[in-house]
N, C-alpha and C. Protein backbone atom coordinates (compact mmCIF):
# COMPACT_ATOMS: atom_id res chain seq x y z
N UNK A 1 1.35 6.50 16.05
CA UNK A 1 2.57 5.83 16.49
C UNK A 1 2.49 5.44 17.96
N UNK A 2 1.84 6.28 18.75
CA UNK A 2 1.75 6.02 20.18
C UNK A 2 0.92 4.80 20.53
N UNK A 3 0.05 4.38 19.62
CA UNK A 3 -0.82 3.22 19.86
C UNK A 3 -0.19 1.91 19.39
N UNK A 4 0.95 1.97 18.71
CA UNK A 4 1.53 0.78 18.10
C UNK A 4 2.36 -0.01 19.11
N UNK A 5 2.30 -1.34 19.01
CA UNK A 5 3.17 -2.19 19.84
C UNK A 5 4.62 -2.08 19.38
N UNK A 6 4.81 -2.09 18.06
CA UNK A 6 6.14 -1.91 17.47
C UNK A 6 5.97 -1.09 16.19
N UNK A 7 6.86 -0.15 15.98
CA UNK A 7 6.83 0.66 14.77
C UNK A 7 7.94 0.20 13.85
N UNK A 8 7.63 0.01 12.58
CA UNK A 8 8.65 -0.32 11.58
C UNK A 8 8.87 0.90 10.70
N UNK A 9 10.08 1.43 10.73
CA UNK A 9 10.43 2.53 9.83
C UNK A 9 11.06 1.93 8.58
N UNK A 10 10.37 2.05 7.47
CA UNK A 10 10.82 1.47 6.21
C UNK A 10 11.54 2.53 5.39
N UNK A 11 12.80 2.28 5.08
CA UNK A 11 13.63 3.23 4.34
C UNK A 11 14.09 2.59 3.04
N UNK A 12 13.97 3.33 1.95
CA UNK A 12 14.50 2.91 0.66
C UNK A 12 16.02 3.06 0.71
N UNK A 13 16.73 1.95 0.63
CA UNK A 13 18.18 1.98 0.77
C UNK A 13 18.85 2.77 -0.36
N UNK A 14 18.20 2.84 -1.50
CA UNK A 14 18.78 3.62 -2.60
C UNK A 14 18.68 5.12 -2.33
N UNK A 15 17.54 5.54 -1.78
CA UNK A 15 17.32 6.96 -1.50
C UNK A 15 18.09 7.39 -0.27
N UNK A 16 18.11 6.50 0.73
CA UNK A 16 18.89 6.77 1.93
C UNK A 16 18.25 7.79 2.86
N UNK A 17 19.07 8.53 3.54
CA UNK A 17 18.62 9.47 4.56
C UNK A 17 18.32 10.82 3.90
N UNK A 18 17.23 10.86 3.13
CA UNK A 18 16.84 12.12 2.49
C UNK A 18 16.02 12.96 3.46
N UNK A 19 15.49 14.06 2.98
CA UNK A 19 14.75 14.97 3.85
C UNK A 19 13.54 14.32 4.49
N UNK A 20 12.80 13.53 3.73
CA UNK A 20 11.61 12.87 4.25
C UNK A 20 11.98 11.87 5.35
N UNK A 21 13.02 11.08 5.10
CA UNK A 21 13.45 10.09 6.08
C UNK A 21 13.95 10.78 7.35
N UNK A 22 14.71 11.86 7.20
CA UNK A 22 15.22 12.59 8.36
C UNK A 22 14.07 13.13 9.21
N UNK A 23 13.03 13.64 8.54
CA UNK A 23 11.88 14.19 9.27
C UNK A 23 11.19 13.10 10.09
N UNK A 24 11.04 11.91 9.51
CA UNK A 24 10.41 10.80 10.23
C UNK A 24 11.25 10.36 11.42
N UNK A 25 12.54 10.22 11.19
CA UNK A 25 13.44 9.80 12.27
C UNK A 25 13.40 10.82 13.41
N UNK A 26 13.44 12.11 13.07
CA UNK A 26 13.43 13.15 14.10
C UNK A 26 12.13 13.14 14.89
N UNK A 27 11.00 12.91 14.21
CA UNK A 27 9.72 12.86 14.91
C UNK A 27 9.67 11.69 15.88
N UNK A 28 10.18 10.54 15.46
CA UNK A 28 10.18 9.37 16.33
C UNK A 28 11.15 9.55 17.49
N UNK A 29 12.29 10.15 17.21
CA UNK A 29 13.29 10.37 18.26
C UNK A 29 12.78 11.32 19.33
N UNK A 30 11.85 12.21 18.94
CA UNK A 30 11.31 13.19 19.88
C UNK A 30 10.26 12.60 20.81
N UNK A 31 9.92 11.33 20.59
CA UNK A 31 8.90 10.68 21.42
C UNK A 31 9.52 9.47 22.12
N UNK A 32 10.16 9.66 23.25
CA UNK A 32 10.80 8.54 23.95
C UNK A 32 9.78 7.51 24.39
N UNK A 33 10.24 6.27 24.44
CA UNK A 33 9.37 5.18 24.87
C UNK A 33 8.77 4.38 23.72
N UNK A 34 8.87 4.89 22.50
CA UNK A 34 8.35 4.15 21.35
C UNK A 34 9.32 3.02 20.99
N UNK A 35 8.75 1.88 20.63
CA UNK A 35 9.57 0.76 20.17
C UNK A 35 9.65 0.83 18.64
N UNK A 36 10.84 1.09 18.13
CA UNK A 36 11.00 1.28 16.69
C UNK A 36 12.07 0.35 16.14
N UNK A 37 11.74 -0.34 15.04
CA UNK A 37 12.74 -1.14 14.33
C UNK A 37 12.93 -0.54 12.94
N UNK A 38 14.10 -0.74 12.40
CA UNK A 38 14.46 -0.19 11.10
C UNK A 38 14.46 -1.31 10.05
N UNK A 39 13.83 -1.03 8.92
CA UNK A 39 13.85 -1.97 7.79
C UNK A 39 14.39 -1.24 6.57
N UNK A 40 15.56 -1.64 6.11
CA UNK A 40 16.14 -1.08 4.90
C UNK A 40 15.74 -1.96 3.72
N UNK A 41 14.98 -1.39 2.81
CA UNK A 41 14.49 -2.15 1.65
C UNK A 41 15.35 -1.88 0.41
N UNK A 42 15.25 -2.77 -0.57
CA UNK A 42 15.98 -2.69 -1.84
C UNK A 42 17.49 -2.89 -1.65
N UNK A 43 17.84 -3.78 -0.71
CA UNK A 43 19.26 -4.03 -0.46
C UNK A 43 19.93 -4.71 -1.63
N UNK A 44 19.12 -5.31 -2.53
CA UNK A 44 19.68 -5.96 -3.71
C UNK A 44 20.22 -4.94 -4.72
N UNK A 45 19.93 -3.66 -4.50
CA UNK A 45 20.35 -2.62 -5.45
C UNK A 45 21.44 -1.72 -4.90
N UNK A 46 21.91 -2.02 -3.68
CA UNK A 46 22.90 -1.15 -3.03
C UNK A 46 24.10 -1.98 -2.56
N UNK A 47 25.30 -1.45 -2.74
CA UNK A 47 26.51 -2.14 -2.30
C UNK A 47 26.57 -2.20 -0.77
N UNK A 48 27.15 -3.28 -0.25
CA UNK A 48 27.17 -3.51 1.19
C UNK A 48 27.81 -2.36 1.99
N UNK A 49 28.95 -1.81 1.55
CA UNK A 49 29.53 -0.69 2.33
C UNK A 49 28.56 0.47 2.48
N UNK A 50 27.80 0.75 1.44
CA UNK A 50 26.83 1.85 1.50
C UNK A 50 25.69 1.50 2.46
N UNK A 51 25.28 0.23 2.48
CA UNK A 51 24.23 -0.21 3.41
C UNK A 51 24.68 -0.06 4.85
N UNK A 52 25.91 -0.47 5.12
CA UNK A 52 26.42 -0.37 6.48
C UNK A 52 26.55 1.09 6.92
N UNK A 53 26.98 1.96 6.01
CA UNK A 53 27.11 3.38 6.34
C UNK A 53 25.73 3.99 6.61
N UNK A 54 24.73 3.61 5.82
CA UNK A 54 23.37 4.11 6.02
C UNK A 54 22.80 3.62 7.35
N UNK A 55 23.04 2.34 7.66
CA UNK A 55 22.57 1.78 8.93
C UNK A 55 23.18 2.53 10.11
N UNK A 56 24.48 2.82 10.01
CA UNK A 56 25.17 3.54 11.09
C UNK A 56 24.61 4.94 11.25
N UNK A 57 24.36 5.62 10.13
CA UNK A 57 23.86 7.00 10.17
C UNK A 57 22.47 7.06 10.79
N UNK A 58 21.61 6.09 10.42
CA UNK A 58 20.24 6.07 10.95
C UNK A 58 20.23 5.74 12.44
N UNK A 59 21.03 4.76 12.83
CA UNK A 59 21.07 4.37 14.24
C UNK A 59 21.72 5.44 15.12
N UNK A 60 22.52 6.30 14.52
CA UNK A 60 23.09 7.40 15.28
C UNK A 60 22.03 8.44 15.62
N UNK A 61 20.99 8.53 14.80
CA UNK A 61 19.92 9.49 15.02
C UNK A 61 18.84 8.94 15.94
N UNK A 62 18.63 7.60 15.89
CA UNK A 62 17.56 6.98 16.68
C UNK A 62 18.00 5.58 17.08
N UNK A 63 17.80 5.26 18.35
CA UNK A 63 18.22 3.94 18.86
C UNK A 63 17.17 2.90 18.49
N UNK A 64 17.31 2.33 17.30
CA UNK A 64 16.38 1.30 16.85
C UNK A 64 16.59 0.01 17.65
N UNK A 65 15.50 -0.70 17.96
CA UNK A 65 15.63 -1.97 18.68
C UNK A 65 16.33 -3.02 17.82
N UNK A 66 15.99 -3.02 16.55
CA UNK A 66 16.59 -3.97 15.60
C UNK A 66 16.69 -3.31 14.24
N UNK A 67 17.61 -3.81 13.44
CA UNK A 67 17.72 -3.35 12.05
C UNK A 67 17.61 -4.56 11.14
N UNK A 68 16.73 -4.47 10.16
CA UNK A 68 16.53 -5.56 9.21
C UNK A 68 16.85 -5.05 7.81
N UNK A 69 17.61 -5.84 7.07
CA UNK A 69 17.90 -5.52 5.68
C UNK A 69 17.11 -6.48 4.81
N UNK A 70 16.25 -5.91 3.97
CA UNK A 70 15.33 -6.74 3.21
C UNK A 70 15.30 -6.34 1.73
N UNK A 71 14.80 -7.27 0.94
CA UNK A 71 14.48 -6.98 -0.45
C UNK A 71 13.05 -7.47 -0.69
N UNK A 72 12.13 -6.54 -0.80
CA UNK A 72 10.75 -6.93 -1.05
C UNK A 72 10.62 -7.62 -2.41
N UNK A 73 11.54 -7.31 -3.32
CA UNK A 73 11.46 -7.87 -4.66
C UNK A 73 11.76 -9.37 -4.67
N UNK A 74 12.83 -9.77 -4.01
CA UNK A 74 13.19 -11.20 -4.03
C UNK A 74 12.97 -11.91 -2.71
N UNK A 75 12.53 -11.18 -1.68
CA UNK A 75 12.17 -11.81 -0.42
C UNK A 75 13.29 -11.94 0.60
N UNK A 76 14.49 -11.51 0.24
CA UNK A 76 15.62 -11.63 1.19
C UNK A 76 15.32 -10.87 2.49
N UNK A 77 15.46 -11.54 3.60
CA UNK A 77 15.30 -10.91 4.90
C UNK A 77 13.87 -10.67 5.34
N UNK A 78 12.91 -10.86 4.46
CA UNK A 78 11.52 -10.55 4.81
C UNK A 78 11.00 -11.48 5.89
N UNK A 79 11.31 -12.77 5.79
CA UNK A 79 10.83 -13.73 6.78
C UNK A 79 11.35 -13.39 8.18
N UNK A 80 12.60 -12.97 8.25
CA UNK A 80 13.17 -12.60 9.55
C UNK A 80 12.40 -11.45 10.18
N UNK A 81 12.05 -10.47 9.36
CA UNK A 81 11.29 -9.32 9.85
C UNK A 81 9.90 -9.76 10.32
N UNK A 82 9.22 -10.57 9.51
CA UNK A 82 7.88 -11.03 9.87
C UNK A 82 7.90 -11.90 11.13
N UNK A 83 8.88 -12.77 11.23
CA UNK A 83 8.99 -13.62 12.42
C UNK A 83 9.22 -12.78 13.67
N UNK A 84 10.06 -11.76 13.53
CA UNK A 84 10.33 -10.89 14.67
C UNK A 84 9.06 -10.17 15.12
N UNK A 85 8.34 -9.60 14.17
CA UNK A 85 7.12 -8.86 14.50
C UNK A 85 6.07 -9.79 15.12
N UNK A 86 5.93 -10.99 14.56
CA UNK A 86 4.96 -11.94 15.11
C UNK A 86 5.30 -12.29 16.54
N UNK A 87 6.59 -12.42 16.84
CA UNK A 87 7.01 -12.78 18.19
C UNK A 87 6.86 -11.65 19.19
N UNK A 88 6.83 -10.41 18.70
CA UNK A 88 6.73 -9.25 19.58
C UNK A 88 5.29 -8.80 19.83
N UNK A 89 4.34 -9.34 19.07
CA UNK A 89 2.96 -8.89 19.23
C UNK A 89 2.30 -9.56 20.42
N UNK A 90 1.68 -8.79 21.32
CA UNK A 90 1.00 -9.39 22.47
C UNK A 90 -0.31 -10.04 22.03
N UNK A 91 -0.75 -11.10 22.74
CA UNK A 91 -2.05 -11.70 22.40
C UNK A 91 -3.16 -10.71 22.70
N UNK A 92 -4.24 -10.83 21.95
CA UNK A 92 -5.37 -9.92 22.15
C UNK A 92 -6.63 -10.50 21.56
N UNK A 93 -7.76 -9.88 21.81
CA UNK A 93 -9.04 -10.39 21.29
C UNK A 93 -9.17 -10.12 19.79
N UNK A 94 -10.05 -10.88 19.14
CA UNK A 94 -10.37 -10.61 17.74
C UNK A 94 -11.05 -9.24 17.67
N UNK A 95 -10.59 -8.38 16.80
CA UNK A 95 -11.19 -7.07 16.64
C UNK A 95 -12.31 -7.06 15.62
N UNK A 96 -12.40 -8.14 14.84
CA UNK A 96 -13.53 -8.33 13.92
C UNK A 96 -13.64 -9.82 13.67
N UNK A 97 -14.74 -10.29 13.07
CA UNK A 97 -14.97 -11.74 12.95
C UNK A 97 -13.79 -12.48 12.33
N UNK A 98 -13.54 -13.70 12.82
CA UNK A 98 -12.38 -14.47 12.41
C UNK A 98 -12.37 -14.75 10.92
N UNK A 99 -13.57 -14.90 10.32
CA UNK A 99 -13.63 -15.22 8.89
C UNK A 99 -13.70 -13.97 8.01
N UNK A 100 -13.56 -12.80 8.60
CA UNK A 100 -13.58 -11.55 7.84
C UNK A 100 -12.16 -11.21 7.44
N UNK A 101 -11.94 -10.96 6.14
CA UNK A 101 -10.57 -10.81 5.65
C UNK A 101 -9.96 -9.46 5.98
N UNK A 102 -10.76 -8.48 6.33
CA UNK A 102 -10.23 -7.15 6.62
C UNK A 102 -11.24 -6.37 7.43
N UNK A 103 -10.73 -5.38 8.20
CA UNK A 103 -11.64 -4.49 8.92
C UNK A 103 -11.99 -3.26 8.08
N UNK A 104 -11.48 -3.19 6.86
CA UNK A 104 -11.81 -2.08 5.97
C UNK A 104 -13.19 -2.29 5.35
N UNK A 105 -13.95 -1.22 5.12
CA UNK A 105 -15.23 -1.36 4.43
C UNK A 105 -15.02 -2.04 3.09
N UNK A 106 -15.98 -2.85 2.68
CA UNK A 106 -15.81 -3.64 1.46
C UNK A 106 -15.60 -2.76 0.24
N UNK A 107 -16.23 -1.60 0.19
CA UNK A 107 -16.05 -0.71 -0.96
C UNK A 107 -14.58 -0.29 -1.08
N UNK A 108 -13.96 0.02 0.06
CA UNK A 108 -12.55 0.41 0.05
C UNK A 108 -11.66 -0.78 -0.26
N UNK A 109 -12.00 -1.93 0.32
CA UNK A 109 -11.21 -3.14 0.06
C UNK A 109 -11.25 -3.49 -1.43
N UNK A 110 -12.43 -3.40 -2.02
CA UNK A 110 -12.57 -3.70 -3.45
C UNK A 110 -11.73 -2.75 -4.29
N UNK A 111 -11.70 -1.47 -3.90
CA UNK A 111 -10.90 -0.49 -4.64
C UNK A 111 -9.41 -0.82 -4.52
N UNK A 112 -8.98 -1.24 -3.33
CA UNK A 112 -7.58 -1.58 -3.14
C UNK A 112 -7.18 -2.82 -3.92
N UNK A 113 -8.11 -3.78 -4.04
CA UNK A 113 -7.82 -4.98 -4.82
C UNK A 113 -7.60 -4.61 -6.29
N UNK A 114 -8.46 -3.77 -6.82
CA UNK A 114 -8.30 -3.36 -8.22
C UNK A 114 -7.03 -2.54 -8.40
N UNK A 115 -6.72 -1.68 -7.42
CA UNK A 115 -5.48 -0.88 -7.50
C UNK A 115 -4.26 -1.81 -7.49
N UNK A 116 -4.31 -2.87 -6.68
CA UNK A 116 -3.21 -3.83 -6.65
C UNK A 116 -3.02 -4.47 -8.02
N UNK A 117 -4.13 -4.90 -8.63
CA UNK A 117 -4.04 -5.53 -9.95
C UNK A 117 -3.54 -4.55 -11.01
N UNK A 118 -3.91 -3.28 -10.83
CA UNK A 118 -3.48 -2.25 -11.76
C UNK A 118 -1.96 -2.14 -11.78
N UNK A 119 -1.35 -2.11 -10.58
CA UNK A 119 0.10 -1.94 -10.52
C UNK A 119 0.84 -3.24 -10.78
N UNK A 120 0.23 -4.37 -10.46
CA UNK A 120 0.85 -5.65 -10.82
C UNK A 120 0.96 -5.76 -12.34
N UNK A 121 -0.04 -5.25 -13.04
CA UNK A 121 -0.08 -5.37 -14.51
C UNK A 121 0.84 -4.36 -15.19
N UNK A 122 0.93 -3.14 -14.60
CA UNK A 122 1.64 -2.07 -15.30
C UNK A 122 3.01 -1.75 -14.71
N UNK A 123 3.32 -2.24 -13.51
CA UNK A 123 4.63 -2.06 -12.89
C UNK A 123 5.06 -0.59 -12.92
N UNK A 124 6.18 -0.29 -13.56
CA UNK A 124 6.75 1.06 -13.53
C UNK A 124 6.15 2.00 -14.57
N UNK A 125 5.18 1.49 -15.34
CA UNK A 125 4.61 2.34 -16.39
C UNK A 125 3.67 3.40 -15.84
N UNK A 126 3.17 3.18 -14.61
CA UNK A 126 2.14 4.06 -14.07
C UNK A 126 2.56 4.58 -12.71
N UNK A 127 2.44 5.90 -12.48
CA UNK A 127 2.82 6.46 -11.17
C UNK A 127 1.91 5.93 -10.06
N UNK A 128 2.47 5.80 -8.86
CA UNK A 128 1.70 5.28 -7.74
C UNK A 128 0.65 6.27 -7.23
N UNK A 129 0.64 7.49 -7.75
CA UNK A 129 -0.39 8.43 -7.34
C UNK A 129 -1.73 8.10 -7.97
N UNK A 130 -1.77 7.19 -8.93
CA UNK A 130 -3.03 6.77 -9.51
C UNK A 130 -3.85 6.05 -8.44
N UNK A 131 -5.16 6.16 -8.55
CA UNK A 131 -6.00 5.57 -7.51
C UNK A 131 -7.26 4.96 -8.12
N UNK A 132 -7.99 4.22 -7.29
CA UNK A 132 -9.23 3.58 -7.70
C UNK A 132 -10.30 3.92 -6.68
N UNK A 133 -11.51 4.25 -7.14
CA UNK A 133 -12.63 4.51 -6.26
C UNK A 133 -13.81 3.65 -6.66
N UNK A 134 -14.47 3.05 -5.67
CA UNK A 134 -15.68 2.27 -5.92
C UNK A 134 -16.85 3.23 -5.96
N UNK A 135 -17.41 3.43 -7.13
CA UNK A 135 -18.48 4.41 -7.30
C UNK A 135 -19.86 3.84 -7.01
N UNK A 136 -20.05 2.55 -7.29
CA UNK A 136 -21.37 1.94 -7.13
C UNK A 136 -21.23 0.48 -6.75
N UNK A 137 -22.11 0.03 -5.85
CA UNK A 137 -22.11 -1.38 -5.41
C UNK A 137 -23.55 -1.80 -5.19
N UNK A 138 -24.04 -2.74 -5.98
CA UNK A 138 -25.42 -3.20 -5.85
C UNK A 138 -25.46 -4.72 -5.74
N UNK A 139 -26.29 -5.20 -4.84
CA UNK A 139 -26.53 -6.63 -4.74
C UNK A 139 -27.75 -6.97 -5.58
N UNK A 140 -27.57 -7.81 -6.57
CA UNK A 140 -28.65 -8.15 -7.49
C UNK A 140 -29.54 -9.25 -6.93
N UNK A 141 -30.67 -9.47 -7.58
CA UNK A 141 -31.65 -10.42 -7.08
C UNK A 141 -31.09 -11.83 -6.95
N UNK A 142 -30.15 -12.20 -7.82
CA UNK A 142 -29.57 -13.54 -7.76
C UNK A 142 -28.44 -13.64 -6.74
N UNK A 143 -28.20 -12.57 -5.98
CA UNK A 143 -27.16 -12.58 -4.96
C UNK A 143 -25.80 -12.12 -5.45
N UNK A 144 -25.66 -11.92 -6.75
CA UNK A 144 -24.38 -11.46 -7.28
C UNK A 144 -24.21 -9.96 -7.02
N UNK A 145 -22.98 -9.50 -7.17
CA UNK A 145 -22.68 -8.09 -6.91
C UNK A 145 -22.34 -7.37 -8.22
N UNK A 146 -22.94 -6.20 -8.41
CA UNK A 146 -22.61 -5.36 -9.54
C UNK A 146 -21.81 -4.17 -9.02
N UNK A 147 -20.53 -4.09 -9.41
CA UNK A 147 -19.62 -3.08 -8.88
C UNK A 147 -19.09 -2.21 -10.01
N UNK A 148 -19.17 -0.91 -9.82
CA UNK A 148 -18.59 0.03 -10.77
C UNK A 148 -17.44 0.78 -10.08
N UNK A 149 -16.29 0.81 -10.73
CA UNK A 149 -15.13 1.49 -10.17
C UNK A 149 -14.52 2.42 -11.21
N UNK A 150 -13.93 3.49 -10.71
CA UNK A 150 -13.23 4.44 -11.59
C UNK A 150 -11.76 4.48 -11.21
N UNK A 151 -10.91 4.32 -12.21
CA UNK A 151 -9.47 4.46 -12.03
C UNK A 151 -9.11 5.90 -12.41
N UNK A 152 -8.55 6.63 -11.45
CA UNK A 152 -8.18 8.02 -11.70
C UNK A 152 -6.68 8.13 -11.95
N UNK A 153 -6.32 8.78 -13.04
CA UNK A 153 -4.93 9.07 -13.36
C UNK A 153 -4.79 10.58 -13.53
N UNK A 154 -3.55 11.05 -13.65
CA UNK A 154 -3.34 12.50 -13.69
C UNK A 154 -3.13 13.07 -15.09
N UNK A 155 -2.90 12.19 -16.08
CA UNK A 155 -2.69 12.69 -17.43
C UNK A 155 -3.36 11.77 -18.44
N UNK A 156 -3.65 12.32 -19.61
CA UNK A 156 -4.29 11.55 -20.66
C UNK A 156 -3.38 10.41 -21.13
N UNK A 157 -2.06 10.65 -21.14
CA UNK A 157 -1.14 9.60 -21.56
C UNK A 157 -1.22 8.39 -20.63
N UNK A 158 -1.46 8.64 -19.33
CA UNK A 158 -1.61 7.55 -18.37
C UNK A 158 -2.92 6.79 -18.60
N UNK A 159 -3.95 7.52 -18.96
CA UNK A 159 -5.24 6.87 -19.24
C UNK A 159 -5.09 5.87 -20.39
N UNK A 160 -4.33 6.27 -21.41
CA UNK A 160 -4.12 5.38 -22.56
C UNK A 160 -3.33 4.13 -22.15
N UNK A 161 -2.38 4.29 -21.22
CA UNK A 161 -1.61 3.15 -20.73
C UNK A 161 -2.52 2.16 -20.03
N UNK A 162 -3.42 2.67 -19.17
CA UNK A 162 -4.32 1.80 -18.42
C UNK A 162 -5.28 1.07 -19.36
N UNK A 163 -5.78 1.78 -20.36
CA UNK A 163 -6.70 1.14 -21.29
C UNK A 163 -5.99 0.08 -22.13
N UNK A 164 -4.81 0.40 -22.62
CA UNK A 164 -4.07 -0.53 -23.47
C UNK A 164 -4.64 -0.59 -24.87
N UNK A 165 -3.91 -1.24 -25.74
CA UNK A 165 -4.35 -1.36 -27.13
C UNK A 165 -5.66 -2.14 -27.21
N UNK A 166 -6.66 -1.52 -27.81
CA UNK A 166 -7.99 -2.12 -27.97
C UNK A 166 -8.61 -2.53 -26.63
N UNK A 167 -8.19 -1.86 -25.55
CA UNK A 167 -8.77 -2.12 -24.24
C UNK A 167 -8.30 -3.40 -23.58
N UNK A 168 -7.22 -4.00 -24.08
CA UNK A 168 -6.77 -5.29 -23.55
C UNK A 168 -6.25 -5.18 -22.12
N UNK A 169 -5.54 -4.09 -21.82
CA UNK A 169 -4.94 -3.96 -20.49
C UNK A 169 -6.01 -3.84 -19.41
N UNK A 170 -6.99 -2.98 -19.62
CA UNK A 170 -8.01 -2.81 -18.59
C UNK A 170 -8.89 -4.05 -18.46
N UNK A 171 -9.07 -4.78 -19.54
CA UNK A 171 -9.83 -6.03 -19.44
C UNK A 171 -9.07 -7.05 -18.60
N UNK A 172 -7.75 -7.10 -18.77
CA UNK A 172 -6.93 -8.01 -17.98
C UNK A 172 -6.96 -7.64 -16.50
N UNK A 173 -6.87 -6.34 -16.21
CA UNK A 173 -6.94 -5.86 -14.82
C UNK A 173 -8.29 -6.21 -14.22
N UNK A 174 -9.34 -5.96 -14.98
CA UNK A 174 -10.69 -6.25 -14.50
C UNK A 174 -10.91 -7.71 -14.22
N UNK A 175 -10.40 -8.57 -15.08
CA UNK A 175 -10.58 -10.02 -14.89
C UNK A 175 -9.88 -10.49 -13.62
N UNK A 176 -8.67 -10.00 -13.38
CA UNK A 176 -7.92 -10.40 -12.19
C UNK A 176 -8.61 -9.91 -10.91
N UNK A 177 -9.08 -8.67 -10.94
CA UNK A 177 -9.77 -8.12 -9.78
C UNK A 177 -11.09 -8.85 -9.54
N UNK A 178 -11.80 -9.14 -10.60
CA UNK A 178 -13.09 -9.83 -10.48
C UNK A 178 -12.93 -11.20 -9.85
N UNK A 179 -11.88 -11.92 -10.21
CA UNK A 179 -11.66 -13.25 -9.65
C UNK A 179 -11.41 -13.17 -8.14
N UNK A 180 -10.58 -12.22 -7.72
CA UNK A 180 -10.27 -12.11 -6.29
C UNK A 180 -11.49 -11.64 -5.49
N UNK A 181 -12.24 -10.70 -6.04
CA UNK A 181 -13.43 -10.22 -5.36
C UNK A 181 -14.47 -11.33 -5.23
N UNK A 182 -14.64 -12.13 -6.27
CA UNK A 182 -15.60 -13.23 -6.23
C UNK A 182 -15.22 -14.25 -5.16
N UNK A 183 -13.90 -14.49 -5.02
CA UNK A 183 -13.44 -15.44 -4.00
C UNK A 183 -13.71 -14.92 -2.60
N UNK A 184 -13.51 -13.61 -2.39
CA UNK A 184 -13.72 -13.01 -1.08
C UNK A 184 -15.21 -12.94 -0.74
N UNK A 185 -16.00 -12.50 -1.71
CA UNK A 185 -17.44 -12.31 -1.48
C UNK A 185 -18.22 -13.62 -1.57
N UNK A 186 -17.57 -14.64 -2.15
CA UNK A 186 -18.21 -15.95 -2.34
C UNK A 186 -19.50 -15.81 -3.15
N UNK A 187 -19.45 -15.00 -4.17
CA UNK A 187 -20.58 -14.83 -5.08
C UNK A 187 -20.06 -14.33 -6.41
N UNK A 188 -20.90 -14.36 -7.42
CA UNK A 188 -20.52 -13.87 -8.74
C UNK A 188 -20.41 -12.35 -8.70
N UNK A 189 -19.39 -11.82 -9.37
CA UNK A 189 -19.16 -10.38 -9.38
C UNK A 189 -19.18 -9.86 -10.82
N UNK A 190 -19.96 -8.81 -11.02
CA UNK A 190 -19.98 -8.10 -12.30
C UNK A 190 -19.23 -6.79 -12.08
N UNK A 191 -18.02 -6.71 -12.61
CA UNK A 191 -17.16 -5.55 -12.35
C UNK A 191 -17.01 -4.71 -13.61
N UNK A 192 -17.27 -3.42 -13.46
CA UNK A 192 -17.17 -2.48 -14.58
C UNK A 192 -16.15 -1.40 -14.21
N UNK A 193 -15.11 -1.28 -15.03
CA UNK A 193 -14.04 -0.33 -14.76
C UNK A 193 -14.06 0.82 -15.76
N UNK A 194 -13.84 2.03 -15.24
CA UNK A 194 -13.76 3.22 -16.08
C UNK A 194 -12.46 3.95 -15.73
N UNK A 195 -11.90 4.64 -16.70
CA UNK A 195 -10.64 5.36 -16.48
C UNK A 195 -10.87 6.84 -16.78
N UNK A 196 -10.56 7.69 -15.81
CA UNK A 196 -10.75 9.13 -15.98
C UNK A 196 -9.48 9.88 -15.58
N UNK A 197 -9.30 11.04 -16.19
CA UNK A 197 -8.18 11.91 -15.85
C UNK A 197 -8.66 12.92 -14.82
N UNK A 198 -7.96 12.99 -13.68
CA UNK A 198 -8.25 14.00 -12.66
C UNK A 198 -6.91 14.56 -12.22
N UNK A 199 -6.57 15.72 -12.76
CA UNK A 199 -5.28 16.33 -12.45
C UNK A 199 -5.18 16.70 -10.97
N UNK A 200 -4.04 16.40 -10.39
CA UNK A 200 -3.72 16.75 -9.00
C UNK A 200 -4.77 16.23 -8.02
N UNK A 201 -5.31 15.04 -8.31
CA UNK A 201 -6.32 14.47 -7.41
C UNK A 201 -5.74 14.25 -6.02
N UNK A 202 -4.43 13.97 -5.94
CA UNK A 202 -3.81 13.68 -4.64
C UNK A 202 -3.77 14.91 -3.74
N UNK A 203 -4.02 16.10 -4.27
CA UNK A 203 -4.03 17.32 -3.47
C UNK A 203 -5.43 17.71 -3.02
N UNK A 204 -6.40 16.84 -3.29
CA UNK A 204 -7.79 17.14 -2.93
C UNK A 204 -8.10 16.56 -1.56
N UNK A 205 -8.36 17.39 -0.54
CA UNK A 205 -8.65 16.88 0.81
C UNK A 205 -9.82 15.91 0.85
N UNK A 206 -10.79 16.06 -0.07
CA UNK A 206 -11.97 15.18 -0.07
C UNK A 206 -11.59 13.73 -0.32
N UNK A 207 -10.56 13.50 -1.12
CA UNK A 207 -10.13 12.14 -1.41
C UNK A 207 -9.64 11.45 -0.12
N UNK A 208 -8.94 12.23 0.71
CA UNK A 208 -8.41 11.67 1.96
C UNK A 208 -9.54 11.41 2.95
N UNK A 209 -10.51 12.32 3.01
CA UNK A 209 -11.63 12.13 3.93
C UNK A 209 -12.41 10.88 3.59
N UNK A 210 -12.56 10.58 2.29
CA UNK A 210 -13.28 9.38 1.86
C UNK A 210 -12.59 8.12 2.36
N UNK A 211 -11.26 8.18 2.52
CA UNK A 211 -10.50 7.02 2.99
C UNK A 211 -10.30 7.04 4.50
N UNK A 212 -10.92 8.03 5.18
CA UNK A 212 -10.79 8.10 6.64
C UNK A 212 -9.44 8.63 7.08
N UNK A 213 -8.77 9.42 6.21
CA UNK A 213 -7.44 9.93 6.53
C UNK A 213 -7.46 11.44 6.62
N UNK A 214 -6.52 12.00 7.37
CA UNK A 214 -6.35 13.44 7.44
C UNK A 214 -5.53 13.90 6.25
N UNK A 215 -5.88 15.08 5.73
CA UNK A 215 -5.10 15.62 4.62
C UNK A 215 -3.74 16.05 5.14
N UNK A 216 -2.65 15.60 4.48
CA UNK A 216 -1.29 15.91 4.97
C UNK A 216 -0.90 17.36 4.71
N UNK A 217 -1.05 18.22 5.69
CA UNK A 217 -0.67 19.61 5.53
C UNK A 217 0.85 19.73 5.61
N UNK A 218 1.42 20.38 4.66
CA UNK A 218 2.88 20.56 4.61
C UNK A 218 3.26 21.70 5.55
């Protein structure tokens, strides 16, 4: 947080000021000098009086520079937030090549692309704790890429959801991910997806280390 030009605290307007949100607000309030803006999401699902009361309660705990009410689902208010952030960012040098789409390692980026397609396809059917790992990446003689990825879920019932009837769901996910990866890599991609059950994978510190993150100690 101390390295950020502006911090956006994103709060689910339906959940409101729960324990997790209070902890975040208190941590930010304890560090004076931080520039923090508030973004209340899912405003399309909450009545206006409740939104105003939540805004007042949050601003009473922390002096936010701005408050934005948005709906990521339908786009309400999102442009205002993006325009504000773009206007507040100081100019700086390129941190990686201009034509590079991300500073993340390609193996991680590829996993995130497949994870995105997974949730776009299944929406609320699959918990967000499910993850994707790139297990193998080989450049073949013709310049194409052979990529193997594993989708990890926590229960057998979730594995069946990802596979779908006669494997149709995972084939659809694979096709969408393959198209985006081919566009980014500018080469043909051979993508092979596998689905495995790994109970409580999110509690394994090794998973966080692989992503360059610290394990969140409670």
